[in-house]
Structure formats: C-alpha cells, structure tokens
PDB file of N, CA and C in Angstrom:
ATOM      1  N   UNK A   1     132.130 168.732 107.232  1.00  0.00           N
ATOM      2  CA  UNK A   1     131.598 168.453 108.409  1.00  0.00           C
ATOM      3  C   UNK A   1     132.569 167.515 109.055  1.00  0.00           C
ATOM      4  N   UNK A   2     132.856 167.792 110.082  1.00  0.00           N
ATOM      5  CA  UNK A   2     134.097 167.434 111.032  1.00  0.00           C
ATOM      6  C   UNK A   2     133.671 167.325 112.512  1.00  0.00           C
ATOM      7  N   UNK A   3     134.421 166.333 113.230  1.00  0.00           N
ATOM      8  CA  UNK A   3     134.145 166.134 114.630  1.00  0.00           C
ATOM      9  C   UNK A   3     135.627 165.838 115.317  1.00  0.00           C
ATOM     10  N   UNK A   4     135.808 166.513 116.406  1.00  0.00           N
ATOM     11  CA  UNK A   4     136.981 166.176 117.075  1.00  0.00           C
ATOM     12  C   UNK A   4     136.783 166.148 118.827  1.00  0.00           C
ATOM     13  N   UNK A   5     137.507 165.231 119.377  1.00  0.00           N
ATOM     14  CA  UNK A   5     137.332 165.067 120.876  1.00  0.00           C
ATOM     15  C   UNK A   5     138.714 165.588 121.576  1.00  0.00           C
ATOM     16  N   UNK A   6     138.508 166.255 122.707  1.00  0.00           N
ATOM     17  CA  UNK A   6     139.508 166.747 123.346  1.00  0.00           C
ATOM     18  C   UNK A   6     139.477 166.276 124.957  1.00  0.00           C
ATOM     19  N   UNK A   7     140.546 165.846 125.531  1.00  0.00           N
ATOM     20  CA  UNK A   7     140.308 165.446 126.880  1.00  0.00           C
ATOM     21  C   UNK A   7     140.568 166.850 127.730  1.00  0.00           C
ATOM     22  N   UNK A   8     140.012 166.870 128.758  1.00  0.00           N
ATOM     23  CA  UNK A   8     140.104 167.939 129.710  1.00  0.00           C
ATOM     24  C   UNK A   8     140.764 167.800 130.956  1.00  0.00           C
ATOM     25  N   UNK A   9     141.992 168.458 131.040  1.00  0.00           N
ATOM     26  CA  UNK A   9     142.732 168.385 132.442  1.00  0.00           C
ATOM     27  C   UNK A   9     142.402 169.119 133.401  1.00  0.00           C
ATOM     28  N   UNK A  10     141.778 170.434 133.174  1.00  0.00           N
ATOM     29  CA  UNK A  10     141.690 171.416 134.050  1.00  0.00           C
ATOM     30  C   UNK A  10     140.512 172.506 133.626  1.00  0.00           C
ATOM     31  N   UNK A  11     140.021 173.069 134.767  1.00  0.00           N
ATOM     32  CA  UNK A  11     138.898 174.084 134.347  1.00  0.00           C
ATOM     33  C   UNK A  11     139.007 175.252 135.080  1.00  0.00           C
ATOM     34  N   UNK A  12     138.594 176.480 134.757  1.00  0.00           N
ATOM     35  CA  UNK A  12     138.429 177.684 135.509  1.00  0.00           C
ATOM     36  C   UNK A  12     137.172 178.140 135.269  1.00  0.00           C
ATOM     37  N   UNK A  13     136.678 178.862 136.282  1.00  0.00           N
ATOM     38  CA  UNK A  13     135.306 179.460 136.403  1.00  0.00           C
ATOM     39  C   UNK A  13     135.492 180.865 136.842  1.00  0.00           C
ATOM     40  N   UNK A  14     135.014 181.885 135.951  1.00  0.00           N
ATOM     41  CA  UNK A  14     134.880 183.229 136.282  1.00  0.00           C
ATOM     42  C   UNK A  14     133.407 183.515 136.798  1.00  0.00           C
ATOM     43  N   UNK A  15     133.133 183.665 138.033  1.00  0.00           N
ATOM     44  CA  UNK A  15     131.885 184.142 138.700  1.00  0.00           C
ATOM     45  C   UNK A  15     131.572 185.576 138.540  1.00  0.00           C
ATOM     46  N   UNK A  16     130.479 186.012 138.436  1.00  0.00           N
ATOM     47  CA  UNK A  16     129.972 187.510 138.088  1.00  0.00           C
ATOM     48  C   UNK A  16     129.053 187.652 139.314  1.00  0.00           C
ATOM     49  N   UNK A  17     128.979 189.025 139.712  1.00  0.00           N
ATOM     50  CA  UNK A  17     127.810 189.385 140.710  1.00  0.00           C
ATOM     51  C   UNK A  17     126.518 189.319 140.200  1.00  0.00           C
ATOM     52  N   UNK A  18     126.485 189.494 138.703  1.00  0.00           N
ATOM     53  CA  UNK A  18     124.936 189.317 138.083  1.00  0.00           C
ATOM     54  C   UNK A  18     124.586 187.881 137.724  1.00  0.00           C
ATOM     55  N   UNK A  19     125.441 186.952 137.972  1.00  0.00           N
ATOM     56  CA  UNK A  19     124.916 185.478 137.630  1.00  0.00           C
ATOM     57  C   UNK A  19     126.124 184.880 137.086  1.00  0.00           C
ATOM     58  N   UNK A  20     126.156 183.357 136.665  1.00  0.00           N
ATOM     59  CA  UNK A  20     127.146 182.859 136.316  1.00  0.00           C
ATOM     60  C   UNK A  20     128.007 183.466 134.998  1.00  0.00           C
ATOM     61  N   UNK A  21     129.267 183.195 135.238  1.00  0.00           N
ATOM     62  CA  UNK A  21     130.121 183.959 134.210  1.00  0.00           C
ATOM     63  C   UNK A  21     130.443 182.963 132.970  1.00  0.00           C
ATOM     64  N   UNK A  22     131.677 182.707 133.065  1.00  0.00           N
ATOM     65  CA  UNK A  22     132.177 181.796 131.926  1.00  0.00           C
ATOM     66  C   UNK A  22     133.029 180.878 132.551  1.00  0.00           C
ATOM     67  N   UNK A  23     132.806 179.681 131.945  1.00  0.00           N
ATOM     68  CA  UNK A  23     133.826 178.315 132.310  1.00  0.00           C
ATOM     69  C   UNK A  23     134.729 178.107 131.186  1.00  0.00           C
ATOM     70  N   UNK A  24     135.842 177.915 131.519  1.00  0.00           N
ATOM     71  CA  UNK A  24     137.066 177.643 130.709  1.00  0.00           C
ATOM     72  C   UNK A  24     137.608 176.237 130.704  1.00  0.00           C
ATOM     73  N   UNK A  25     137.655 175.339 129.865  1.00  0.00           N
ATOM     74  CA  UNK A  25     138.112 174.253 129.835  1.00  0.00           C
ATOM     75  C   UNK A  25     139.424 173.984 129.158  1.00  0.00           C
ATOM     76  N   UNK A  26     140.456 173.457 129.875  1.00  0.00           N
ATOM     77  CA  UNK A  26     141.801 173.497 129.261  1.00  0.00           C
ATOM     78  C   UNK A  26     142.242 171.981 129.159  1.00  0.00           C
ATOM     79  N   UNK A  27     143.152 171.775 128.149  1.00  0.00           N
ATOM     80  CA  UNK A  27     143.625 170.567 127.727  1.00  0.00           C
ATOM     81  C   UNK A  27     145.102 170.128 128.329  1.00  0.00           C
ATOM     82  N   UNK A  28     145.717 169.138 128.274  1.00  0.00           N
ATOM     83  CA  UNK A  28     146.750 168.781 128.939  1.00  0.00           C
ATOM     84  C   UNK A  28     148.023 169.719 128.579  1.00  0.00           C
ATOM     85  N   UNK A  29     148.146 170.215 127.609  1.00  0.00           N
ATOM     86  CA  UNK A  29     149.226 171.044 127.254  1.00  0.00           C
ATOM     87  C   UNK A  29     149.094 172.457 127.703  1.00  0.00           C
ATOM     88  N   UNK A  30     147.975 172.743 128.394  1.00  0.00           N
ATOM     89  CA  UNK A  30     147.600 174.064 128.841  1.00  0.00           C
ATOM     90  C   UNK A  30     146.857 174.781 127.885  1.00  0.00           C
ATOM     91  N   UNK A  31     146.457 174.437 126.696  1.00  0.00           N
ATOM     92  CA  UNK A  31     145.763 174.952 125.698  1.00  0.00           C
ATOM     93  C   UNK A  31     144.275 175.110 125.935  1.00  0.00           C
ATOM     94  N   UNK A  32     143.517 176.329 125.777  1.00  0.00           N
ATOM     95  CA  UNK A  32     142.256 176.377 125.942  1.00  0.00           C
ATOM     96  C   UNK A  32     141.383 175.703 124.944  1.00  0.00           C
ATOM     97  N   UNK A  33     140.484 174.760 125.465  1.00  0.00           N
ATOM     98  CA  UNK A  33     139.830 173.803 124.504  1.00  0.00           C
ATOM     99  C   UNK A  33     138.491 174.487 124.375  1.00  0.00           C
ATOM    100  N   UNK A  34     137.703 174.864 125.330  1.00  0.00           N
ATOM    101  CA  UNK A  34     136.496 175.597 125.265  1.00  0.00           C
ATOM    102  C   UNK A  34     136.103 176.513 126.094  1.00  0.00           C
ATOM    103  N   UNK A  35     135.529 177.362 125.935  1.00  0.00           N
ATOM    104  CA  UNK A  35     134.912 178.671 126.766  1.00  0.00           C
ATOM    105  C   UNK A  35     133.355 178.343 126.628  1.00  0.00           C
ATOM    106  N   UNK A  36     132.680 178.329 127.876  1.00  0.00           N
ATOM    107  CA  UNK A  36     131.161 178.101 127.920  1.00  0.00           C
ATOM    108  C   UNK A  36     130.831 179.409 128.578  1.00  0.00           C
ATOM    109  N   UNK A  37     129.745 180.119 127.881  1.00  0.00           N
ATOM    110  CA  UNK A  37     129.118 181.181 128.527  1.00  0.00           C
ATOM    111  C   UNK A  37     127.754 180.621 128.895  1.00  0.00           C
ATOM    112  N   UNK A  38     127.389 181.152 130.204  1.00  0.00           N
ATOM    113  CA  UNK A  38     126.074 180.755 130.527  1.00  0.00           C
ATOM    114  C   UNK A  38     125.031 181.746 130.332  1.00  0.00           C
ATOM    115  N   UNK A  39     123.889 181.454 129.947  1.00  0.00           N
ATOM    116  CA  UNK A  39     122.650 182.460 129.465  1.00  0.00           C
ATOM    117  C   UNK A  39     121.591 182.076 129.999  1.00  0.00           C
ATOM    118  N   UNK A  40     120.663 183.179 130.204  1.00  0.00           N
ATOM    119  CA  UNK A  40     119.374 182.884 130.828  1.00  0.00           C
ATOM    120  C   UNK A  40     118.506 181.685 130.370  1.00  0.00           C
ATOM    121  N   UNK A  41     117.914 180.905 131.088  1.00  0.00           N
ATOM    122  CA  UNK A  41     117.255 179.823 130.767  1.00  0.00           C
ATOM    123  C   UNK A  41     116.171 180.031 129.734  1.00  0.00           C
ATOM    124  N   UNK A  42     115.676 181.078 129.684  1.00  0.00           N
ATOM    125  CA  UNK A  42     114.561 181.573 128.751  1.00  0.00           C
ATOM    126  C   UNK A  42     115.083 181.992 127.427  1.00  0.00           C
ATOM    127  N   UNK A  43     116.297 182.267 127.284  1.00  0.00           N
ATOM    128  CA  UNK A  43     116.874 182.721 126.107  1.00  0.00           C
ATOM    129  C   UNK A  43     117.266 181.594 125.220  1.00  0.00           C
ATOM    130  N   UNK A  44     117.198 181.999 123.822  1.00  0.00           N
ATOM    131  CA  UNK A  44     117.652 180.904 122.807  1.00  0.00           C
ATOM    132  C   UNK A  44     119.004 180.920 122.775  1.00  0.00           C
ATOM    133  N   UNK A  45     119.537 179.612 122.719  1.00  0.00           N
ATOM    134  CA  UNK A  45     120.953 179.380 122.719  1.00  0.00           C
ATOM    135  C   UNK A  45     121.605 179.763 121.391  1.00  0.00           C
ATOM    136  N   UNK A  46     122.497 180.656 121.469  1.00  0.00           N
ATOM    137  CA  UNK A  46     123.366 180.856 120.113  1.00  0.00           C
ATOM    138  C   UNK A  46     124.189 179.701 119.737  1.00  0.00           C
ATOM    139  N   UNK A  47     124.360 179.543 118.363  1.00  0.00           N
ATOM    140  CA  UNK A  47     125.092 178.400 117.785  1.00  0.00           C
ATOM    141  C   UNK A  47     126.769 178.575 118.431  1.00  0.00           C
ATOM    142  N   UNK A  48     127.069 177.398 118.584  1.00  0.00           N
ATOM    143  CA  UNK A  48     128.639 177.359 118.926  1.00  0.00           C
ATOM    144  C   UNK A  48     129.676 178.008 117.878  1.00  0.00           C
ATOM    145  N   UNK A  49     130.600 178.480 118.293  1.00  0.00           N
ATOM    146  CA  UNK A  49     131.656 178.873 117.273  1.00  0.00           C
ATOM    147  C   UNK A  49     132.753 177.952 117.507  1.00  0.00           C
ATOM    148  N   UNK A  50     133.576 177.755 116.412  1.00  0.00           N
ATOM    149  CA  UNK A  50     134.714 176.648 116.421  1.00  0.00           C
ATOM    150  C   UNK A  50     135.956 177.408 115.641  1.00  0.00           C
ATOM    151  N   UNK A  51     137.272 177.140 116.132  1.00  0.00           N
ATOM    152  CA  UNK A  51     138.396 177.444 115.086  1.00  0.00           C
ATOM    153  C   UNK A  51     138.057 176.507 113.898  1.00  0.00           C
ATOM    154  N   UNK A  52     138.889 176.767 112.862  1.00  0.00           N
ATOM    155  CA  UNK A  52     138.805 175.857 111.621  1.00  0.00           C
ATOM    156  C   UNK A  52     139.257 174.569 111.815  1.00  0.00           C
ATOM    157  N   UNK A  53     140.335 174.354 112.691  1.00  0.00           N
ATOM    158  CA  UNK A  53     140.825 172.990 113.042  1.00  0.00           C
ATOM    159  C   UNK A  53     140.089 172.275 114.086  1.00  0.00           C
ATOM    160  N   UNK A  54     139.005 172.886 114.629  1.00  0.00           N
ATOM    161  CA  UNK A  54     138.341 172.503 115.981  1.00  0.00           C
ATOM    162  C   UNK A  54     139.192 172.170 117.038  1.00  0.00           C
ATOM    163  N   UNK A  55     140.253 173.195 117.189  1.00  0.00           N
ATOM    164  CA  UNK A  55     141.223 173.100 118.279  1.00  0.00           C
ATOM    165  C   UNK A  55     140.509 173.760 119.705  1.00  0.00           C
ATOM    166  N   UNK A  56     139.476 174.655 119.420  1.00  0.00           N
ATOM    167  CA  UNK A  56     138.896 175.272 120.419  1.00  0.00           C
ATOM    168  C   UNK A  56     137.560 175.856 120.015  1.00  0.00           C
ATOM    169  N   UNK A  57     136.600 176.023 120.939  1.00  0.00           N
ATOM    170  CA  UNK A  57     135.111 176.539 120.712  1.00  0.00           C
ATOM    171  C   UNK A  57     134.707 177.415 121.813  1.00  0.00           C
ATOM    172  N   UNK A  58     133.837 178.081 121.430  1.00  0.00           N
ATOM    173  CA  UNK A  58     133.052 178.852 122.424  1.00  0.00           C
ATOM    174  C   UNK A  58     131.455 178.525 122.268  1.00  0.00           C
ATOM    175  N   UNK A  59     131.102 177.961 123.402  1.00  0.00           N
ATOM    176  CA  UNK A  59     129.664 177.364 123.394  1.00  0.00           C
ATOM    177  C   UNK A  59     128.763 178.196 124.451  1.00  0.00           C
ATOM    178  N   UNK A  60     127.528 177.968 124.380  1.00  0.00           N
ATOM    179  CA  UNK A  60     126.506 178.690 125.396  1.00  0.00           C
ATOM    180  C   UNK A  60     125.729 177.527 125.765  1.00  0.00           C
ATOM    181  N   UNK A  61     125.614 177.580 127.092  1.00  0.00           N
ATOM    182  CA  UNK A  61     124.711 176.613 127.883  1.00  0.00           C
ATOM    183  C   UNK A  61     123.696 177.592 128.841  1.00  0.00           C
ATOM    184  N   UNK A  62     122.719 176.934 129.108  1.00  0.00           N
ATOM    185  CA  UNK A  62     121.569 177.310 129.971  1.00  0.00           C
ATOM    186  C   UNK A  62     122.294 177.408 131.480  1.00  0.00           C
ATOM    187  N   UNK A  63     121.810 178.510 132.221  1.00  0.00           N
ATOM    188  CA  UNK A  63     122.364 178.624 133.521  1.00  0.00           C
ATOM    189  C   UNK A  63     122.149 177.448 134.423  1.00  0.00           C
ATOM    190  N   UNK A  64     120.974 176.929 134.172  1.00  0.00           N
ATOM    191  CA  UNK A  64     120.488 175.852 135.054  1.00  0.00           C
ATOM    192  C   UNK A  64     121.444 174.522 134.854  1.00  0.00           C
ATOM    193  N   UNK A  65     122.294 174.605 133.836  1.00  0.00           N
ATOM    194  CA  UNK A  65     123.063 173.416 133.603  1.00  0.00           C
ATOM    195  C   UNK A  65     124.477 173.615 134.513  1.00  0.00           C
ATOM    196  N   UNK A  66     124.712 174.841 134.939  1.00  0.00           N
ATOM    197  CA  UNK A  66     126.001 174.834 135.517  1.00  0.00           C
ATOM    198  C   UNK A  66     126.136 173.879 136.720  1.00  0.00           C
ATOM    199  N   UNK A  67     125.381 173.520 137.881  1.00  0.00           N
ATOM    200  CA  UNK A  67     125.588 172.730 138.661  1.00  0.00           C
ATOM    201  C   UNK A  67     125.900 171.322 138.348  1.00  0.00           C
ATOM    202  N   UNK A  68     125.177 170.894 137.417  1.00  0.00           N
ATOM    203  CA  UNK A  68     125.625 169.736 136.730  1.00  0.00           C
ATOM    204  C   UNK A  68     126.858 169.387 136.228  1.00  0.00           C
ATOM    205  N   UNK A  69     127.286 170.508 135.395  1.00  0.00           N
ATOM    206  CA  UNK A  69     128.523 170.603 134.556  1.00  0.00           C
ATOM    207  C   UNK A  69     129.673 170.570 135.709  1.00  0.00           C
ATOM    208  N   UNK A  70     129.550 171.535 136.809  1.00  0.00           N
ATOM    209  CA  UNK A  70     130.566 171.362 137.661  1.00  0.00           C
ATOM    210  C   UNK A  70     130.614 170.076 138.572  1.00  0.00           C
ATOM    211  N   UNK A  71     129.536 169.456 138.627  1.00  0.00           N
ATOM    212  CA  UNK A  71     129.579 168.058 139.389  1.00  0.00           C
ATOM    213  C   UNK A  71     130.266 167.177 138.437  1.00  0.00           C
ATOM    214  N   UNK A  72     130.099 167.196 137.279  1.00  0.00           N
ATOM    215  CA  UNK A  72     130.811 166.367 136.262  1.00  0.00           C
ATOM    216  C   UNK A  72     132.180 166.472 136.257  1.00  0.00           C
ATOM    217  N   UNK A  73     132.708 167.905 136.175  1.00  0.00           N
ATOM    218  CA  UNK A  73     134.004 168.038 136.231  1.00  0.00           C
ATOM    219  C   UNK A  73     134.811 167.915 137.616  1.00  0.00           C
ATOM    220  N   UNK A  74     134.119 167.905 138.696  1.00  0.00           N
ATOM    221  CA  UNK A  74     134.724 167.627 140.063  1.00  0.00           C
ATOM    222  C   UNK A  74     134.873 165.988 140.230  1.00  0.00           C
ATOM    223  N   UNK A  75     133.865 165.360 139.748  1.00  0.00           N
ATOM    224  CA  UNK A  75     133.854 163.908 140.165  1.00  0.00           C
ATOM    225  C   UNK A  75     134.258 162.903 139.189  1.00  0.00           C
ATOM    226  N   UNK A  76     134.136 163.419 137.943  1.00  0.00           N
ATOM    227  CA  UNK A  76     134.564 162.338 136.969  1.00  0.00           C
ATOM    228  C   UNK A  76     136.220 162.424 136.655  1.00  0.00           C
ATOM    229  N   UNK A  77     136.809 161.311 136.547  1.00  0.00           N
ATOM    230  CA  UNK A  77     138.280 161.247 136.142  1.00  0.00           C
ATOM    231  C   UNK A  77     138.619 161.594 134.859  1.00  0.00           C
ATOM    232  N   UNK A  78     137.722 161.379 133.987  1.00  0.00           N
ATOM    233  CA  UNK A  78     138.050 161.383 132.571  1.00  0.00           C
ATOM    234  C   UNK A  78     137.021 162.164 131.808  1.00  0.00           C
ATOM    235  N   UNK A  79     137.129 163.624 131.632  1.00  0.00           N
ATOM    236  CA  UNK A  79     136.112 164.420 131.098  1.00  0.00           C
ATOM    237  C   UNK A  79     136.700 164.900 129.675  1.00  0.00           C
ATOM    238  N   UNK A  80     135.674 164.875 128.617  1.00  0.00           N
ATOM    239  CA  UNK A  80     136.183 165.250 127.276  1.00  0.00           C
ATOM    240  C   UNK A  80     135.310 166.235 126.624  1.00  0.00           C
ATOM    241  N   UNK A  81     135.711 167.018 125.625  1.00  0.00           N
ATOM    242  CA  UNK A  81     134.775 167.812 125.123  1.00  0.00           C
ATOM    243  C   UNK A  81     134.989 167.321 123.430  1.00  0.00           C
ATOM    244  N   UNK A  82     133.598 167.089 123.045  1.00  0.00           N
ATOM    245  CA  UNK A  82     133.390 166.725 121.563  1.00  0.00           C
ATOM    246  C   UNK A  82     132.878 167.792 120.906  1.00  0.00           C
ATOM    247  N   UNK A  83     133.624 168.183 119.760  1.00  0.00           N
ATOM    248  CA  UNK A  83     133.068 169.264 118.754  1.00  0.00           C
ATOM    249  C   UNK A  83     132.737 168.804 117.423  1.00  0.00           C
ATOM    250  N   UNK A  84     131.689 169.265 117.001  1.00  0.00           N
ATOM    251  CA  UNK A  84     131.219 168.850 115.745  1.00  0.00           C
ATOM    252  C   UNK A  84     130.645 169.778 114.857  1.00  0.00           C
ATOM    253  N   UNK A  85     130.889 170.041 113.740  1.00  0.00           N
ATOM    254  CA  UNK A  85     130.338 171.074 112.773  1.00  0.00           C
ATOM    255  C   UNK A  85     129.142 170.569 112.165  1.00  0.00           C
ATOM    256  N   UNK A  86     128.976 169.062 112.256  1.00  0.00           N
ATOM    257  CA  UNK A  86     127.539 168.619 111.628  1.00  0.00           C
ATOM    258  C   UNK A  86     126.601 169.459 111.992  1.00  0.00           C
ATOM    259  N   UNK A  87     125.740 169.758 111.076  1.00  0.00           N
ATOM    260  CA  UNK A  87     124.523 170.731 111.342  1.00  0.00           C
ATOM    261  C   UNK A  87     123.685 170.048 112.535  1.00  0.00           C
ATOM    262  N   UNK A  88     123.363 170.810 113.310  1.00  0.00           N
ATOM    263  CA  UNK A  88     123.433 172.192 113.563  1.00  0.00           C
ATOM    264  C   UNK A  88     124.621 172.680 114.416  1.00  0.00           C
ATOM    265  N   UNK A  89     125.555 171.656 114.576  1.00  0.00           N
ATOM    266  CA  UNK A  89     127.028 171.764 115.329  1.00  0.00           C
ATOM    267  C   UNK A  89     126.778 171.923 116.759  1.00  0.00           C
ATOM    268  N   UNK A  90     127.772 171.356 117.508  1.00  0.00           N
ATOM    269  CA  UNK A  90     127.482 171.169 118.864  1.00  0.00           C
ATOM    270  C   UNK A  90     128.903 171.190 119.565  1.00  0.00           C
ATOM    271  N   UNK A  91     128.873 171.464 120.910  1.00  0.00           N
ATOM    272  CA  UNK A  91     129.919 171.364 121.872  1.00  0.00           C
ATOM    273  C   UNK A  91     129.372 170.347 123.097  1.00  0.00           C
ATOM    274  N   UNK A  92     129.970 169.063 123.109  1.00  0.00           N
ATOM    275  CA  UNK A  92     129.405 168.138 124.101  1.00  0.00           C
ATOM    276  C   UNK A  92     130.568 167.955 125.105  1.00  0.00           C
ATOM    277  N   UNK A  93     130.083 168.230 126.397  1.00  0.00           N
ATOM    278  CA  UNK A  93     131.076 168.063 127.581  1.00  0.00           C
ATOM    279  C   UNK A  93     130.649 166.748 128.224  1.00  0.00           C
ATOM    280  N   UNK A  94     131.446 165.822 128.319  1.00  0.00           N
ATOM    281  CA  UNK A  94     131.057 164.404 128.585  1.00  0.00           C
ATOM    282  C   UNK A  94     132.227 163.551 129.375  1.00  0.00           C
ATOM    283  N   UNK A  95     131.699 162.525 130.022  1.00  0.00           N
ATOM    284  CA  UNK A  95     132.823 161.720 130.625  1.00  0.00           C
ATOM    285  C   UNK A  95     132.662 160.360 129.931  1.00  0.00           C
ATOM    286  N   UNK A  96     133.565 159.337 129.952  1.00  0.00           N
ATOM    287  CA  UNK A  96     133.658 158.375 129.249  1.00  0.00           C
ATOM    288  C   UNK A  96     134.086 158.641 127.953  1.00  0.00           C
ATOM    289  N   UNK A  97     133.609 157.696 126.962  1.00  0.00           N
ATOM    290  CA  UNK A  97     134.088 157.649 125.591  1.00  0.00           C
ATOM    291  C   UNK A  97     133.223 158.593 124.875  1.00  0.00           C
ATOM    292  N   UNK A  98     133.884 159.244 123.912  1.00  0.00           N
ATOM    293  CA  UNK A  98     133.016 160.024 123.107  1.00  0.00           C
ATOM    294  C   UNK A  98     131.959 159.315 122.169  1.00  0.00           C
ATOM    295  N   UNK A  99     130.860 160.132 121.783  1.00  0.00           N
ATOM    296  CA  UNK A  99     129.687 159.373 121.281  1.00  0.00           C
ATOM    297  C   UNK A  99     130.298 159.240 119.723  1.00  0.00           C
ATOM    298  N   UNK A 100     129.552 158.081 119.303  1.00  0.00           N
ATOM    299  CA  UNK A 100     130.058 157.642 117.890  1.00  0.00           C
ATOM    300  C   UNK A 100     129.593 158.371 116.984  1.00  0.00           C
ATOM    301  N   UNK A 101     128.308 159.088 117.012  1.00  0.00           N
ATOM    302  CA  UNK A 101     127.851 159.916 116.268  1.00  0.00           C
ATOM    303  C   UNK A 101     126.767 161.021 116.869  1.00  0.00           C
ATOM    304  N   UNK A 102     126.334 161.974 115.823  1.00  0.00           N
ATOM    305  CA  UNK A 102     125.484 162.851 116.514  1.00  0.00           C
ATOM    306  C   UNK A 102     123.990 162.373 117.000  1.00  0.00           C
ATOM    307  N   UNK A 103     123.697 161.223 116.280  1.00  0.00           N
ATOM    308  CA  UNK A 103     122.441 160.664 116.598  1.00  0.00           C
ATOM    309  C   UNK A 103     122.302 160.273 117.922  1.00  0.00           C
ATOM    310  N   UNK A 104     123.512 159.863 118.654  1.00  0.00           N
ATOM    311  CA  UNK A 104     123.401 159.509 120.078  1.00  0.00           C
ATOM    312  C   UNK A 104     123.241 160.775 120.934  1.00  0.00           C
ATOM    313  N   UNK A 105     123.174 161.934 120.513  1.00  0.00           N
ATOM    314  CA  UNK A 105     122.972 163.181 121.291  1.00  0.00           C
ATOM    315  C   UNK A 105     121.359 163.543 121.070  1.00  0.00           C
ATOM    316  N   UNK A 106     120.651 162.791 120.354  1.00  0.00           N
ATOM    317  CA  UNK A 106     119.258 163.181 120.276  1.00  0.00           C
ATOM    318  C   UNK A 106     118.264 162.443 121.101  1.00  0.00           C
TER     319      UNK A 106
END
C-alpha cells in the first residue's frame, strides 16, 4: 500500500457533445498526473487505475462533480492530486495540504 501527492500546474478539458468528457491534470514538468473521466451520476464508479510508481492515474468521477472540480482548479492557487493504493484505492483532487491518512476522506 502506498500514497503519493502531486502538485497540479495546469489542466485541459475535452468536452463532448454527449456530455462531459475527460479532464487531464498536468504537473510542473509537463507530465500527465491524472486523467478523470466523468460518468453518469447513477452509474457505479469504477476503481481508479494507477501506474506502479503512482506517477499517474485514471479516475472516474460523477458528472455532477464537474462544476465543483473546475471551480477548484480555477480559484485555488495550490491544487494537488493524492493517489493511494490503500484499499479501496483513491484519487483525491484537493487544495491545500494533503490528507494525513485515508481516514480523513471518510
């Protein structure tokens, strides 16, 4: 079990005619940190996928979270992504300091 925090410096959003597309979060060296796919609010969330070194991840968020996530990225000066393989595994997009443990997420 492992946890890693990445600072986000930029983001891109791919909009689609059939609804929200994919959000890509980029690090300071231009590396892709996370890709977030948006799924229907009534669909179950698939588990996130990580690289072995937790250098990048693919995560799935409900479509209804998109406005709040974009607001966070636009307004906050320091945005990070925390990845954890601690069961059930998570990708957390947040401002400020990283959570100390998974218990803070519950």
